Amino acid sequence: MRETINVVVSNVDKQPQSEYYLPFEYDQIGKIGGIEVRDKKDAAKPPFKVRLAAMSAVTGADGTTTK
C-alpha cells in the first residue's frame, strides 16, 4: 500500500525562514520512504535539500520534558 501526504507550510513570521521542522513519532520515521520539498510558487525550481534532524527531548506546555 502506498500513501501520499501533502503538507503546506506557511511562514507567518515577518522575516524569511531558512529551516522548517516536521515532527514525527520515533516509530513512524522508519516507515517513511522519502520526503520531497518544493516551492509551490515555482515548480520549475529543483527540490529543496532535506535532512533528518533528531531531538533529544520535547518540552510540553506545562514545562515537563519527554523523550
N, C-alpha and C. Protein backbone atom coordinates (compact mmCIF):
# COMPACT_ATOMS: atom_id res chain seq x y z
N MET A 1 0.84 -1.17 0.00
CA MET A 1 0.00 0.00 0.00
C MET A 1 0.89 1.24 0.00
N ARG A 2 0.52 2.21 -0.81
CA ARG A 2 1.26 3.47 -0.87
C ARG A 2 0.35 4.59 -0.40
N GLU A 3 0.90 5.43 0.44
CA GLU A 3 0.13 6.56 0.95
C GLU A 3 0.93 7.83 0.73
N THR A 4 0.30 8.85 0.17
CA THR A 4 0.95 10.13 -0.07
C THR A 4 0.27 11.20 0.75
N ILE A 5 1.06 12.01 1.43
CA ILE A 5 0.53 13.09 2.24
C ILE A 5 1.17 14.39 1.78
N ASN A 6 0.36 15.40 1.52
CA ASN A 6 0.86 16.72 1.17
C ASN A 6 0.74 17.63 2.38
N VAL A 7 1.79 18.37 2.65
CA VAL A 7 1.81 19.30 3.77
C VAL A 7 2.13 20.68 3.21
N VAL A 8 1.34 21.67 3.58
CA VAL A 8 1.60 23.05 3.18
C VAL A 8 2.14 23.79 4.39
N VAL A 9 3.32 24.37 4.24
CA VAL A 9 3.94 25.13 5.31
C VAL A 9 3.90 26.60 4.94
N SER A 10 3.38 27.42 5.84
CA SER A 10 3.31 28.86 5.60
C SER A 10 4.16 29.59 6.62
N ASN A 11 4.93 30.53 6.14
CA ASN A 11 5.73 31.37 7.03
C ASN A 11 4.84 32.48 7.55
N VAL A 12 4.59 32.50 8.86
CA VAL A 12 3.76 33.54 9.46
C VAL A 12 4.60 34.63 10.10
N ASP A 13 5.91 34.45 10.07
CA ASP A 13 6.82 35.47 10.60
C ASP A 13 7.01 36.56 9.56
N LYS A 14 7.47 37.72 9.99
CA LYS A 14 7.74 38.81 9.05
C LYS A 14 9.07 38.64 8.34
N GLN A 15 9.94 37.80 8.88
CA GLN A 15 11.26 37.55 8.30
C GLN A 15 11.23 36.23 7.52
N PRO A 16 12.02 36.16 6.45
CA PRO A 16 12.12 34.89 5.72
C PRO A 16 12.75 33.81 6.62
N GLN A 17 12.35 32.58 6.42
CA GLN A 17 12.88 31.46 7.19
C GLN A 17 13.71 30.56 6.28
N SER A 18 14.73 29.93 6.86
CA SER A 18 15.56 29.02 6.07
C SER A 18 15.43 27.57 6.53
N GLU A 19 14.78 27.34 7.66
CA GLU A 19 14.61 25.98 8.16
C GLU A 19 13.19 25.77 8.66
N TYR A 20 12.65 24.60 8.35
CA TYR A 20 11.35 24.18 8.85
C TYR A 20 11.50 22.76 9.38
N TYR A 21 10.73 22.42 10.40
CA TYR A 21 10.81 21.10 11.01
C TYR A 21 9.44 20.44 10.97
N LEU A 22 9.41 19.18 10.54
CA LEU A 22 8.19 18.38 10.55
C LEU A 22 8.39 17.27 11.58
N PRO A 23 7.65 17.31 12.68
CA PRO A 23 7.85 16.29 13.72
C PRO A 23 7.16 14.97 13.38
N PHE A 24 7.83 13.88 13.70
CA PHE A 24 7.28 12.54 13.55
C PHE A 24 7.56 11.76 14.83
N GLU A 25 6.67 10.86 15.17
CA GLU A 25 6.92 9.96 16.29
C GLU A 25 8.11 9.06 15.93
N TYR A 26 8.84 8.63 16.93
CA TYR A 26 10.05 7.83 16.72
C TYR A 26 9.77 6.59 15.87
N ASP A 27 8.68 5.90 16.16
CA ASP A 27 8.38 4.66 15.42
C ASP A 27 7.85 4.90 14.01
N GLN A 28 7.47 6.12 13.67
CA GLN A 28 6.97 6.43 12.33
C GLN A 28 8.10 6.72 11.34
N ILE A 29 9.19 7.27 11.80
CA ILE A 29 10.24 7.75 10.90
C ILE A 29 10.82 6.61 10.05
N GLY A 30 10.87 5.41 10.59
CA GLY A 30 11.39 4.28 9.84
C GLY A 30 10.47 3.81 8.73
N LYS A 31 9.21 4.24 8.75
CA LYS A 31 8.23 3.85 7.74
C LYS A 31 8.14 4.85 6.59
N ILE A 32 8.86 5.94 6.68
CA ILE A 32 8.79 6.98 5.64
C ILE A 32 9.79 6.64 4.54
N GLY A 33 9.30 6.56 3.32
CA GLY A 33 10.14 6.21 2.19
C GLY A 33 10.90 7.39 1.62
N GLY A 34 10.37 8.59 1.78
CA GLY A 34 11.04 9.76 1.25
C GLY A 34 10.25 11.03 1.52
N ILE A 35 10.95 12.13 1.51
CA ILE A 35 10.33 13.44 1.68
C ILE A 35 10.88 14.34 0.58
N GLU A 36 9.98 15.00 -0.12
CA GLU A 36 10.38 15.92 -1.18
C GLU A 36 9.77 17.28 -0.86
N VAL A 37 10.60 18.32 -0.94
CA VAL A 37 10.15 19.67 -0.62
C VAL A 37 10.36 20.55 -1.84
N ARG A 38 9.28 21.19 -2.29
CA ARG A 38 9.34 22.05 -3.48
C ARG A 38 8.71 23.40 -3.19
N ASP A 39 9.08 24.37 -4.00
CA ASP A 39 8.50 25.70 -3.94
C ASP A 39 7.24 25.68 -4.79
N LYS A 40 6.08 25.77 -4.15
CA LYS A 40 4.83 25.64 -4.91
C LYS A 40 4.60 26.83 -5.84
N LYS A 41 5.28 27.96 -5.57
CA LYS A 41 5.13 29.13 -6.45
C LYS A 41 6.00 29.01 -7.70
N ASP A 42 7.00 28.12 -7.67
CA ASP A 42 7.88 27.94 -8.83
C ASP A 42 8.28 26.46 -8.92
N ALA A 43 7.41 25.67 -9.49
CA ALA A 43 7.63 24.22 -9.58
C ALA A 43 8.82 23.85 -10.47
N ALA A 44 9.28 24.79 -11.28
CA ALA A 44 10.43 24.51 -12.15
C ALA A 44 11.75 24.48 -11.37
N LYS A 45 11.76 25.07 -10.19
CA LYS A 45 12.97 25.05 -9.36
C LYS A 45 13.23 23.62 -8.87
N PRO A 46 14.49 23.28 -8.66
CA PRO A 46 14.78 21.95 -8.10
C PRO A 46 14.27 21.84 -6.66
N PRO A 47 14.07 20.62 -6.16
CA PRO A 47 13.61 20.45 -4.78
C PRO A 47 14.61 21.04 -3.78
N PHE A 48 14.11 21.44 -2.63
CA PHE A 48 14.96 21.91 -1.54
C PHE A 48 15.69 20.73 -0.91
N LYS A 49 16.80 21.00 -0.25
CA LYS A 49 17.52 19.95 0.47
C LYS A 49 16.73 19.57 1.72
N VAL A 50 16.69 18.27 2.00
CA VAL A 50 16.00 17.74 3.18
C VAL A 50 17.00 16.93 3.97
N ARG A 51 16.98 17.10 5.29
CA ARG A 51 17.85 16.29 6.14
C ARG A 51 17.11 15.89 7.40
N LEU A 52 17.52 14.79 7.96
CA LEU A 52 16.91 14.27 9.18
C LEU A 52 17.55 14.95 10.38
N ALA A 53 16.73 15.47 11.26
CA ALA A 53 17.21 16.09 12.49
C ALA A 53 16.61 15.33 13.66
N ALA A 54 17.36 15.18 14.72
CA ALA A 54 16.88 14.46 15.89
C ALA A 54 16.75 15.42 17.07
N MET A 55 15.73 15.16 17.86
CA MET A 55 15.53 15.94 19.09
C MET A 55 15.78 15.00 20.26
N SER A 56 16.52 15.47 21.23
CA SER A 56 16.78 14.61 22.39
C SER A 56 15.62 14.64 23.37
N ALA A 57 14.83 15.72 23.37
CA ALA A 57 13.70 15.81 24.29
C ALA A 57 12.73 16.87 23.78
N VAL A 58 11.50 16.78 24.25
CA VAL A 58 10.47 17.75 23.89
C VAL A 58 9.91 18.32 25.17
N THR A 59 9.81 19.63 25.24
CA THR A 59 9.25 20.29 26.41
C THR A 59 7.77 20.59 26.16
N GLY A 60 6.93 20.11 27.06
CA GLY A 60 5.49 20.33 26.92
C GLY A 60 5.09 21.71 27.41
N ALA A 61 3.83 22.05 27.24
CA ALA A 61 3.30 23.34 27.65
C ALA A 61 3.41 23.52 29.16
N ASP A 62 3.36 22.42 29.91
CA ASP A 62 3.46 22.50 31.36
C ASP A 62 4.90 22.54 31.86
N GLY A 63 5.88 22.50 30.93
CA GLY A 63 7.29 22.59 31.31
C GLY A 63 7.96 21.25 31.54
N THR A 64 7.20 20.15 31.46
CA THR A 64 7.81 18.83 31.64
C THR A 64 8.51 18.40 30.35
N THR A 65 9.51 17.57 30.48
CA THR A 65 10.28 17.11 29.35
C THR A 65 10.01 15.64 29.10
N THR A 66 9.81 15.28 27.82
CA THR A 66 9.64 13.89 27.44
C THR A 66 10.64 13.54 26.36
N LYS A 67 10.92 12.27 26.20
CA LYS A 67 11.84 11.83 25.15
C LYS A 67 11.09 11.11 24.08
